[in-house]
Amino acid sequence: MTDRLLTVGQAAELLGTTERFPRRLIAERRIVFVKVGRHVRIPERALAEFVAAHTVQPITAHRRFGAAA
C-alpha cells in the first residue's frame, strides 16, 4: 500500500475548502474512503481521481471575425 491516507482536514486543505465539503462527499458516497475503526480516511489517489473527473476543460474553438454571437 503506497497510497497515502489523508484525514478529512488534510483532504479539505488540498481541495482548498472547509472540512464540511469532503465530509459531504463521504456522506453522499461520491468519493472513495476508508474506515479505520471510527476514523475516516481518504486515499490520496481517490482525491486526485475526483478532481480529474470534475475538471472542466476550456472551449478552444475560435469565433470567426464578424460572426453573430
C-alpha atoms as a PDB file:
ATOM      1  CA  MET A   1       0.000   0.000   0.000  1.00  0.00           C
ATOM      2  CA  THR A   2       1.811   3.086  -1.230  1.00  0.00           C
ATOM      3  CA  ASP A   3      -1.215   5.388  -1.378  1.00  0.00           C
ATOM      4  CA  ARG A   4      -1.224   7.866   1.500  1.00  0.00           C
ATOM      5  CA  LEU A   5      -4.415   8.053   3.547  1.00  0.00           C
ATOM      6  CA  LEU A   6      -5.492  11.626   4.265  1.00  0.00           C
ATOM      7  CA  THR A   7      -7.598  12.891   7.128  1.00  0.00           C
ATOM      8  CA  VAL A   8     -10.701  14.884   6.262  1.00  0.00           C
ATOM      9  CA  GLY A   9      -8.814  18.024   7.279  1.00  0.00           C
ATOM     10  CA  GLN A  10      -5.882  17.230   5.000  1.00  0.00           C
ATOM     11  CA  ALA A  11      -8.240  16.479   2.095  1.00  0.00           C
ATOM     12  CA  ALA A  12     -10.043  19.772   2.672  1.00  0.00           C
ATOM     13  CA  GLU A  13      -6.746  21.637   2.709  1.00  0.00           C
ATOM     14  CA  LEU A  14      -5.672  20.060  -0.593  1.00  0.00           C
ATOM     15  CA  LEU A  15      -9.027  20.968  -2.151  1.00  0.00           C
ATOM     16  CA  GLY A  16      -8.939  24.470  -0.696  1.00  0.00           C
ATOM     17  CA  THR A  17     -12.283  24.000   1.068  1.00  0.00           C
ATOM     18  CA  THR A  18     -13.602  23.621   4.578  1.00  0.00           C
ATOM     19  CA  GLU A  19     -13.863  20.163   6.171  1.00  0.00           C
ATOM     20  CA  ARG A  20     -17.593  20.204   5.510  1.00  0.00           C
ATOM     21  CA  PHE A  21     -17.145  19.580   1.756  1.00  0.00           C
ATOM     22  CA  PRO A  22     -15.136  16.312   1.991  1.00  0.00           C
ATOM     23  CA  ARG A  23     -17.464  15.138   4.758  1.00  0.00           C
ATOM     24  CA  ARG A  24     -20.429  15.725   2.428  1.00  0.00           C
ATOM     25  CA  LEU A  25     -18.667  13.812  -0.364  1.00  0.00           C
ATOM     26  CA  ILE A  26     -18.206  10.905   2.037  1.00  0.00           C
ATOM     27  CA  ALA A  27     -21.794  11.033   3.314  1.00  0.00           C
ATOM     28  CA  GLU A  28     -23.148  11.062  -0.250  1.00  0.00           C
ATOM     29  CA  ARG A  29     -20.724   8.266  -1.260  1.00  0.00           C
ATOM     30  CA  ARG A  30     -19.304  10.466  -4.039  1.00  0.00           C
ATOM     31  CA  ILE A  31     -15.671   9.684  -3.170  1.00  0.00           C
ATOM     32  CA  VAL A  32     -13.790   6.562  -2.135  1.00  0.00           C
ATOM     33  CA  PHE A  33     -12.942   6.461   1.564  1.00  0.00           C
ATOM     34  CA  VAL A  34     -11.533   4.043   4.124  1.00  0.00           C
ATOM     35  CA  LYS A  35     -12.901   3.453   7.619  1.00  0.00           C
ATOM     36  CA  VAL A  36     -10.230   2.719  10.190  1.00  0.00           C
ATOM     37  CA  GLY A  37     -12.241   1.981  13.291  1.00  0.00           C
ATOM     38  CA  ARG A  38     -14.228   5.163  13.895  1.00  0.00           C
ATOM     39  CA  HIS A  39     -11.865   7.225  11.752  1.00  0.00           C
ATOM     40  CA  VAL A  40     -12.436   8.065   8.104  1.00  0.00           C
ATOM     41  CA  ARG A  41      -9.526   8.469   5.687  1.00  0.00           C
ATOM     42  CA  ILE A  42      -9.459   9.424   2.017  1.00  0.00           C
ATOM     43  CA  PRO A  43      -6.810   7.832  -0.201  1.00  0.00           C
ATOM     44  CA  GLU A  44      -4.727  10.473  -1.983  1.00  0.00           C
ATOM     45  CA  ARG A  45      -5.392   8.664  -5.272  1.00  0.00           C
ATOM     46  CA  ALA A  46      -9.173   8.921  -4.760  1.00  0.00           C
ATOM     47  CA  LEU A  47      -8.883  12.668  -4.227  1.00  0.00           C
ATOM     48  CA  ALA A  48      -6.814  13.045  -7.413  1.00  0.00           C
ATOM     49  CA  GLU A  49      -9.357  10.944  -9.360  1.00  0.00           C
ATOM     50  CA  PHE A  50     -12.246  13.033  -8.011  1.00  0.00           C
ATOM     51  CA  VAL A  51     -10.547  16.262  -9.085  1.00  0.00           C
ATOM     52  CA  ALA A  52      -9.691  14.840 -12.527  1.00  0.00           C
ATOM     53  CA  ALA A  53     -13.249  13.602 -13.069  1.00  0.00           C
ATOM     54  CA  HIS A  54     -14.688  17.027 -12.235  1.00  0.00           C
ATOM     55  CA  THR A  55     -12.189  19.139 -14.151  1.00  0.00           C
ATOM     56  CA  VAL A  56     -13.817  21.163 -16.911  1.00  0.00           C
ATOM     57  CA  GLN A  57     -11.684  21.825 -19.963  1.00  0.00           C
ATOM     58  CA  PRO A  58     -11.871  25.242 -21.652  1.00  0.00           C
ATOM     59  CA  ILE A  59     -13.517  25.657 -25.024  1.00  0.00           C
ATOM     60  CA  THR A  60     -10.826  26.143 -27.666  1.00  0.00           C
ATOM     61  CA  ALA A  61     -12.996  26.922 -30.699  1.00  0.00           C
ATOM     62  CA  HIS A  62     -12.360  30.370 -32.113  1.00  0.00           C
ATOM     63  CA  ARG A  63     -15.186  32.556 -33.298  1.00  0.00           C
ATOM     64  CA  ARG A  64     -14.864  33.922 -36.797  1.00  0.00           C
ATOM     65  CA  PHE A  65     -14.437  37.666 -37.108  1.00  0.00           C
ATOM     66  CA  GLY A  66     -17.794  39.280 -37.880  1.00  0.00           C
ATOM     67  CA  ALA A  67     -19.846  36.228 -36.938  1.00  0.00           C
ATOM     68  CA  ALA A  68     -23.029  36.879 -34.994  1.00  0.00           C
ATOM     69  CA  ALA A  69     -22.831  35.924 -31.338  1.00  0.00           C
END
